Amino acid sequence: SIGLALFVYCVGISAGNRFFGALKREGS
């Protein structure tokens, strides 16, 4: 459980700065 929470949190931090931008830009 500790590993799961830590892993997905870091994945989210890494992807967050591109995820929403990729969805709304013309490059979507």
PDB file of all heavy atoms in Angstrom:
ATOM      1  N   SER A   1       0.830  -1.209   0.000  1.00  0.00           N
ATOM      2  CA  SER A   1       0.000   0.000   0.000  1.00  0.00           C
ATOM      3  C   SER A   1       0.864   1.259   0.000  1.00  0.00           C
ATOM      4  O   SER A   1       0.565   2.234  -0.704  1.00  0.00           O
ATOM      5  CB  SER A   1      -0.911   0.002   1.235  1.00  0.00           C
ATOM      6  OG  SER A   1      -1.800  -1.093   1.203  1.00  0.00           O
ATOM      7  N   ILE A   2       1.942   1.242   0.788  1.00  0.00           N
ATOM      8  CA  ILE A   2       2.864   2.386   0.818  1.00  0.00           C
ATOM      9  C   ILE A   2       3.494   2.580  -0.560  1.00  0.00           C
ATOM     10  O   ILE A   2       3.551   3.697  -1.089  1.00  0.00           O
ATOM     11  CB  ILE A   2       3.960   2.177   1.881  1.00  0.00           C
ATOM     12  CG1 ILE A   2       3.342   2.142   3.274  1.00  0.00           C
ATOM     13  CG2 ILE A   2       5.016   3.271   1.792  1.00  0.00           C
ATOM     14  CD1 ILE A   2       4.319   1.754   4.369  1.00  0.00           C
ATOM     15  N   GLY A   3       3.950   1.473  -1.147  1.00  0.00           N
ATOM     16  CA  GLY A   3       4.572   1.550  -2.460  1.00  0.00           C
ATOM     17  C   GLY A   3       3.606   2.035  -3.525  1.00  0.00           C
ATOM     18  O   GLY A   3       3.963   2.862  -4.377  1.00  0.00           O
ATOM     19  N   LEU A   4       2.359   1.546  -3.479  1.00  0.00           N
ATOM     20  CA  LEU A   4       1.344   1.932  -4.458  1.00  0.00           C
ATOM     21  C   LEU A   4       1.081   3.435  -4.415  1.00  0.00           C
ATOM     22  O   LEU A   4       1.081   4.121  -5.441  1.00  0.00           O
ATOM     23  CB  LEU A   4       0.060   1.155  -4.197  1.00  0.00           C
ATOM     24  CG  LEU A   4      -1.182   1.561  -5.000  1.00  0.00           C
ATOM     25  CD1 LEU A   4      -0.914   1.449  -6.489  1.00  0.00           C
ATOM     26  CD2 LEU A   4      -2.378   0.700  -4.603  1.00  0.00           C
ATOM     27  N   ALA A   5       0.846   3.968  -3.206  1.00  0.00           N
ATOM     28  CA  ALA A   5       0.551   5.394  -3.051  1.00  0.00           C
ATOM     29  C   ALA A   5       1.718   6.251  -3.532  1.00  0.00           C
ATOM     30  O   ALA A   5       1.534   7.241  -4.244  1.00  0.00           O
ATOM     31  CB  ALA A   5       0.228   5.708  -1.590  1.00  0.00           C
ATOM     32  N   LEU A   6       2.928   5.860  -3.177  1.00  0.00           N
ATOM     33  CA  LEU A   6       4.120   6.623  -3.559  1.00  0.00           C
ATOM     34  C   LEU A   6       4.326   6.574  -5.073  1.00  0.00           C
ATOM     35  O   LEU A   6       4.639   7.597  -5.708  1.00  0.00           O
ATOM     36  CB  LEU A   6       5.334   6.037  -2.842  1.00  0.00           C
ATOM     37  CG  LEU A   6       6.591   6.905  -2.715  1.00  0.00           C
ATOM     38  CD1 LEU A   6       6.284   8.217  -2.025  1.00  0.00           C
ATOM     39  CD2 LEU A   6       7.666   6.145  -1.942  1.00  0.00           C
ATOM     40  N   PHE A   7       4.122   5.417  -5.650  1.00  0.00           N
ATOM     41  CA  PHE A   7       4.337   5.242  -7.083  1.00  0.00           C
ATOM     42  C   PHE A   7       3.361   6.078  -7.909  1.00  0.00           C
ATOM     43  O   PHE A   7       3.773   6.854  -8.783  1.00  0.00           O
ATOM     44  CB  PHE A   7       4.213   3.763  -7.441  1.00  0.00           C
ATOM     45  CG  PHE A   7       4.174   3.490  -8.916  1.00  0.00           C
ATOM     46  CD1 PHE A   7       5.274   3.759  -9.716  1.00  0.00           C
ATOM     47  CD2 PHE A   7       3.041   2.967  -9.511  1.00  0.00           C
ATOM     48  CE1 PHE A   7       5.253   3.513 -11.085  1.00  0.00           C
ATOM     49  CE2 PHE A   7       3.005   2.715 -10.875  1.00  0.00           C
ATOM     50  CZ  PHE A   7       4.108   2.987 -11.656  1.00  0.00           C
ATOM     51  N   VAL A   8       2.062   5.932  -7.650  1.00  0.00           N
ATOM     52  CA  VAL A   8       1.081   6.652  -8.474  1.00  0.00           C
ATOM     53  C   VAL A   8       1.166   8.158  -8.239  1.00  0.00           C
ATOM     54  O   VAL A   8       0.892   8.957  -9.145  1.00  0.00           O
ATOM     55  CB  VAL A   8      -0.359   6.149  -8.215  1.00  0.00           C
ATOM     56  CG1 VAL A   8      -0.500   4.693  -8.622  1.00  0.00           C
ATOM     57  CG2 VAL A   8      -0.785   6.338  -6.772  1.00  0.00           C
ATOM     58  N   TYR A   9       1.564   8.586  -7.035  1.00  0.00           N
ATOM     59  CA  TYR A   9       1.710  10.017  -6.761  1.00  0.00           C
ATOM     60  C   TYR A   9       2.835  10.597  -7.636  1.00  0.00           C
ATOM     61  O   TYR A   9       2.672  11.661  -8.245  1.00  0.00           O
ATOM     62  CB  TYR A   9       2.008  10.241  -5.281  1.00  0.00           C
ATOM     63  CG  TYR A   9       2.073  11.700  -4.884  1.00  0.00           C
ATOM     64  CD1 TYR A   9       0.904  12.417  -4.613  1.00  0.00           C
ATOM     65  CD2 TYR A   9       3.284  12.362  -4.774  1.00  0.00           C
ATOM     66  CE1 TYR A   9       0.952  13.747  -4.260  1.00  0.00           C
ATOM     67  CE2 TYR A   9       3.346  13.698  -4.419  1.00  0.00           C
ATOM     68  CZ  TYR A   9       2.175  14.391  -4.159  1.00  0.00           C
ATOM     69  OH  TYR A   9       2.229  15.724  -3.811  1.00  0.00           O
ATOM     70  N   CYS A  10       3.957   9.903  -7.708  1.00  0.00           N
ATOM     71  CA  CYS A  10       5.084  10.380  -8.524  1.00  0.00           C
ATOM     72  C   CYS A  10       4.746  10.336 -10.014  1.00  0.00           C
ATOM     73  O   CYS A  10       5.159  11.214 -10.776  1.00  0.00           O
ATOM     74  CB  CYS A  10       6.325   9.550  -8.237  1.00  0.00           C
ATOM     75  SG  CYS A  10       7.042   9.827  -6.612  1.00  0.00           S
ATOM     76  N   VAL A  11       3.984   9.333 -10.437  1.00  0.00           N
ATOM     77  CA  VAL A  11       3.530   9.264 -11.826  1.00  0.00           C
ATOM     78  C   VAL A  11       2.670  10.482 -12.145  1.00  0.00           C
ATOM     79  O   VAL A  11       2.814  11.116 -13.201  1.00  0.00           O
ATOM     80  CB  VAL A  11       2.738   7.970 -12.096  1.00  0.00           C
ATOM     81  CG1 VAL A  11       2.015   8.039 -13.442  1.00  0.00           C
ATOM     82  CG2 VAL A  11       3.671   6.769 -12.083  1.00  0.00           C
ATOM     83  N   GLY A  12       1.771  10.843 -11.228  1.00  0.00           N
ATOM     84  CA  GLY A  12       0.898  11.998 -11.427  1.00  0.00           C
ATOM     85  C   GLY A  12       1.664  13.303 -11.489  1.00  0.00           C
ATOM     86  O   GLY A  12       1.388  14.168 -12.322  1.00  0.00           O
ATOM     87  N   ILE A  13       2.642  13.466 -10.595  1.00  0.00           N
ATOM     88  CA  ILE A  13       3.466  14.676 -10.599  1.00  0.00           C
ATOM     89  C   ILE A  13       4.208  14.799 -11.930  1.00  0.00           C
ATOM     90  O   ILE A  13       4.316  15.877 -12.519  1.00  0.00           O
ATOM     91  CB  ILE A  13       4.484  14.657  -9.433  1.00  0.00           C
ATOM     92  CG1 ILE A  13       3.771  14.826  -8.077  1.00  0.00           C
ATOM     93  CG2 ILE A  13       5.549  15.738  -9.622  1.00  0.00           C
ATOM     94  CD1 ILE A  13       3.169  16.201  -7.854  1.00  0.00           C
ATOM     95  N   SER A  14       4.717  13.672 -12.429  1.00  0.00           N
ATOM     96  CA  SER A  14       5.470  13.664 -13.683  1.00  0.00           C
ATOM     97  C   SER A  14       4.584  13.977 -14.878  1.00  0.00           C
ATOM     98  O   SER A  14       4.974  14.732 -15.774  1.00  0.00           O
ATOM     99  CB  SER A  14       6.129  12.297 -13.872  1.00  0.00           C
ATOM    100  OG  SER A  14       6.751  12.202 -15.126  1.00  0.00           O
ATOM    101  N   ALA A  15       3.380  13.402 -14.901  1.00  0.00           N
ATOM    102  CA  ALA A  15       2.502  13.551 -16.064  1.00  0.00           C
ATOM    103  C   ALA A  15       1.653  14.807 -16.009  1.00  0.00           C
ATOM    104  O   ALA A  15       1.190  15.285 -17.051  1.00  0.00           O
ATOM    105  CB  ALA A  15       1.594  12.327 -16.187  1.00  0.00           C
ATOM    106  N   GLY A  16       1.447  15.374 -14.823  1.00  0.00           N
ATOM    107  CA  GLY A  16       0.513  16.485 -14.655  1.00  0.00           C
ATOM    108  C   GLY A  16       0.807  17.690 -15.507  1.00  0.00           C
ATOM    109  O   GLY A  16      -0.106  18.340 -16.024  1.00  0.00           O
ATOM    110  N   ASN A  17       2.104  18.015 -15.672  1.00  0.00           N
ATOM    111  CA  ASN A  17       2.428  19.219 -16.427  1.00  0.00           C
ATOM    112  C   ASN A  17       2.211  19.066 -17.929  1.00  0.00           C
ATOM    113  O   ASN A  17       2.303  20.046 -18.662  1.00  0.00           O
ATOM    114  CB  ASN A  17       3.874  19.667 -16.151  1.00  0.00           C
ATOM    115  CG  ASN A  17       4.901  18.610 -16.499  1.00  0.00           C
ATOM    116  OD1 ASN A  17       4.561  17.575 -17.070  1.00  0.00           O
ATOM    117  ND2 ASN A  17       6.140  18.848 -16.153  1.00  0.00           N
ATOM    118  N   ARG A  18       1.916  17.839 -18.404  1.00  0.00           N
ATOM    119  CA  ARG A  18       1.659  17.636 -19.833  1.00  0.00           C
ATOM    120  C   ARG A  18       0.260  17.084 -20.103  1.00  0.00           C
ATOM    121  O   ARG A  18      -0.267  17.246 -21.195  1.00  0.00           O
ATOM    122  CB  ARG A  18       2.696  16.670 -20.430  1.00  0.00           C
ATOM    123  CG  ARG A  18       4.096  17.252 -20.479  1.00  0.00           C
ATOM    124  CD  ARG A  18       5.073  16.253 -21.076  1.00  0.00           C
ATOM    125  NE  ARG A  18       6.393  16.841 -21.232  1.00  0.00           N
ATOM    126  CZ  ARG A  18       7.310  16.857 -20.281  1.00  0.00           C
ATOM    127  NH1 ARG A  18       7.046  16.309 -19.117  1.00  0.00           N
ATOM    128  NH2 ARG A  18       8.488  17.413 -20.487  1.00  0.00           N
ATOM    129  N   PHE A  19      -0.337  16.432 -19.115  1.00  0.00           N
ATOM    130  CA  PHE A  19      -1.592  15.711 -19.340  1.00  0.00           C
ATOM    131  C   PHE A  19      -2.712  16.640 -19.791  1.00  0.00           C
ATOM    132  O   PHE A  19      -3.324  16.458 -20.840  1.00  0.00           O
ATOM    133  CB  PHE A  19      -1.996  14.975 -18.065  1.00  0.00           C
ATOM    134  CG  PHE A  19      -3.314  14.259 -18.164  1.00  0.00           C
ATOM    135  CD1 PHE A  19      -3.453  13.167 -18.995  1.00  0.00           C
ATOM    136  CD2 PHE A  19      -4.416  14.682 -17.433  1.00  0.00           C
ATOM    137  CE1 PHE A  19      -4.664  12.497 -19.099  1.00  0.00           C
ATOM    138  CE2 PHE A  19      -5.617  14.031 -17.527  1.00  0.00           C
ATOM    139  CZ  PHE A  19      -5.751  12.933 -18.353  1.00  0.00           C
ATOM    140  N   PHE A  20      -3.001  17.678 -18.995  1.00  0.00           N
ATOM    141  CA  PHE A  20      -4.104  18.571 -19.324  1.00  0.00           C
ATOM    142  C   PHE A  20      -3.782  19.414 -20.559  1.00  0.00           C
ATOM    143  O   PHE A  20      -4.665  19.696 -21.365  1.00  0.00           O
ATOM    144  CB  PHE A  20      -4.424  19.473 -18.131  1.00  0.00           C
ATOM    145  CG  PHE A  20      -4.901  18.712 -16.930  1.00  0.00           C
ATOM    146  CD1 PHE A  20      -4.060  18.492 -15.849  1.00  0.00           C
ATOM    147  CD2 PHE A  20      -6.181  18.195 -16.890  1.00  0.00           C
ATOM    148  CE1 PHE A  20      -4.496  17.777 -14.742  1.00  0.00           C
ATOM    149  CE2 PHE A  20      -6.629  17.477 -15.788  1.00  0.00           C
ATOM    150  CZ  PHE A  20      -5.785  17.261 -14.711  1.00  0.00           C
ATOM    151  N   GLY A  21      -2.509  19.797 -20.695  1.00  0.00           N
ATOM    152  CA  GLY A  21      -2.119  20.570 -21.866  1.00  0.00           C
ATOM    153  C   GLY A  21      -2.289  19.782 -23.147  1.00  0.00           C
ATOM    154  O   GLY A  21      -2.719  20.315 -24.167  1.00  0.00           O
ATOM    155  N   ALA A  22      -1.960  18.493 -23.105  1.00  0.00           N
ATOM    156  CA  ALA A  22      -2.088  17.646 -24.293  1.00  0.00           C
ATOM    157  C   ALA A  22      -3.546  17.478 -24.696  1.00  0.00           C
ATOM    158  O   ALA A  22      -3.857  17.304 -25.876  1.00  0.00           O
ATOM    159  CB  ALA A  22      -1.467  16.281 -24.029  1.00  0.00           C
ATOM    160  N   LEU A  23      -4.452  17.547 -23.735  1.00  0.00           N
ATOM    161  CA  LEU A  23      -5.869  17.364 -24.023  1.00  0.00           C
ATOM    162  C   LEU A  23      -6.497  18.598 -24.663  1.00  0.00           C
ATOM    163  O   LEU A  23      -7.447  18.498 -25.435  1.00  0.00           O
ATOM    164  CB  LEU A  23      -6.628  17.019 -22.736  1.00  0.00           C
ATOM    165  CG  LEU A  23      -6.385  15.626 -22.157  1.00  0.00           C
ATOM    166  CD1 LEU A  23      -7.170  15.458 -20.864  1.00  0.00           C
ATOM    167  CD2 LEU A  23      -6.776  14.540 -23.147  1.00  0.00           C
ATOM    168  N   LYS A  24      -5.976  19.799 -24.345  1.00  0.00           N
ATOM    169  CA  LYS A  24      -6.659  21.010 -24.804  1.00  0.00           C
ATOM    170  C   LYS A  24      -5.966  21.719 -25.968  1.00  0.00           C
ATOM    171  O   LYS A  24      -6.586  22.534 -26.637  1.00  0.00           O
ATOM    172  CB  LYS A  24      -6.855  21.980 -23.643  1.00  0.00           C
ATOM    173  CG  LYS A  24      -5.677  22.825 -23.276  1.00  0.00           C
ATOM    174  CD  LYS A  24      -6.037  23.801 -22.161  1.00  0.00           C
ATOM    175  CE  LYS A  24      -4.831  24.666 -21.800  1.00  0.00           C
ATOM    176  NZ  LYS A  24      -5.125  25.609 -20.715  1.00  0.00           N
ATOM    177  N   ARG A  25      -4.684  21.431 -26.227  1.00  0.00           N
ATOM    178  CA  ARG A  25      -3.999  22.108 -27.315  1.00  0.00           C
ATOM    179  C   ARG A  25      -4.450  21.557 -28.663  1.00  0.00           C
ATOM    180  O   ARG A  25      -5.063  20.507 -28.769  1.00  0.00           O
ATOM    181  CB  ARG A  25      -2.482  21.936 -27.189  1.00  0.00           C
ATOM    182  CG  ARG A  25      -1.846  22.841 -26.183  1.00  0.00           C
ATOM    183  CD  ARG A  25      -0.349  22.890 -26.429  1.00  0.00           C
ATOM    184  NE  ARG A  25       0.217  21.575 -26.628  1.00  0.00           N
ATOM    185  CZ  ARG A  25       0.632  20.799 -25.642  1.00  0.00           C
ATOM    186  NH1 ARG A  25       0.531  21.201 -24.397  1.00  0.00           N
ATOM    187  NH2 ARG A  25       1.129  19.612 -25.895  1.00  0.00           N
ATOM    188  N   GLU A  26      -4.105  22.247 -29.704  1.00  0.00           N
ATOM    189  CA  GLU A  26      -4.417  21.769 -31.049  1.00  0.00           C
ATOM    190  C   GLU A  26      -3.729  20.440 -31.326  1.00  0.00           C
ATOM    191  O   GLU A  26      -4.161  19.645 -32.137  1.00  0.00           O
ATOM    192  CB  GLU A  26      -3.979  22.813 -32.085  1.00  0.00           C
ATOM    193  CG  GLU A  26      -4.829  24.074 -32.054  1.00  0.00           C
ATOM    194  CD  GLU A  26      -4.408  25.060 -33.108  1.00  0.00           C
ATOM    195  OE1 GLU A  26      -3.547  24.714 -33.943  1.00  0.00           O
ATOM    196  OE2 GLU A  26      -4.936  26.173 -33.105  1.00  0.00           O
ATOM    197  N   GLY A  27      -2.637  20.207 -30.608  1.00  0.00           N
ATOM    198  CA  GLY A  27      -1.929  18.946 -30.756  1.00  0.00           C
ATOM    199  C   GLY A  27      -2.654  17.797 -30.081  1.00  0.00           C
ATOM    200  O   GLY A  27      -2.093  16.720 -29.928  1.00  0.00           O
ATOM    201  N   SER A  28      -3.908  18.023 -29.657  1.00  0.00           N
ATOM    202  CA  SER A  28      -4.667  16.972 -28.973  1.00  0.00           C
ATOM    203  C   SER A  28      -4.948  15.797 -29.892  1.00  0.00           C
ATOM    204  O   SER A  28      -5.460  14.777 -29.451  1.00  0.00           O
ATOM    205  CB  SER A  28      -5.984  17.535 -28.434  1.00  0.00           C
ATOM    206  OG  SER A  28      -6.796  18.011 -29.505  1.00  0.00           O
TER     207      SER A  28
END
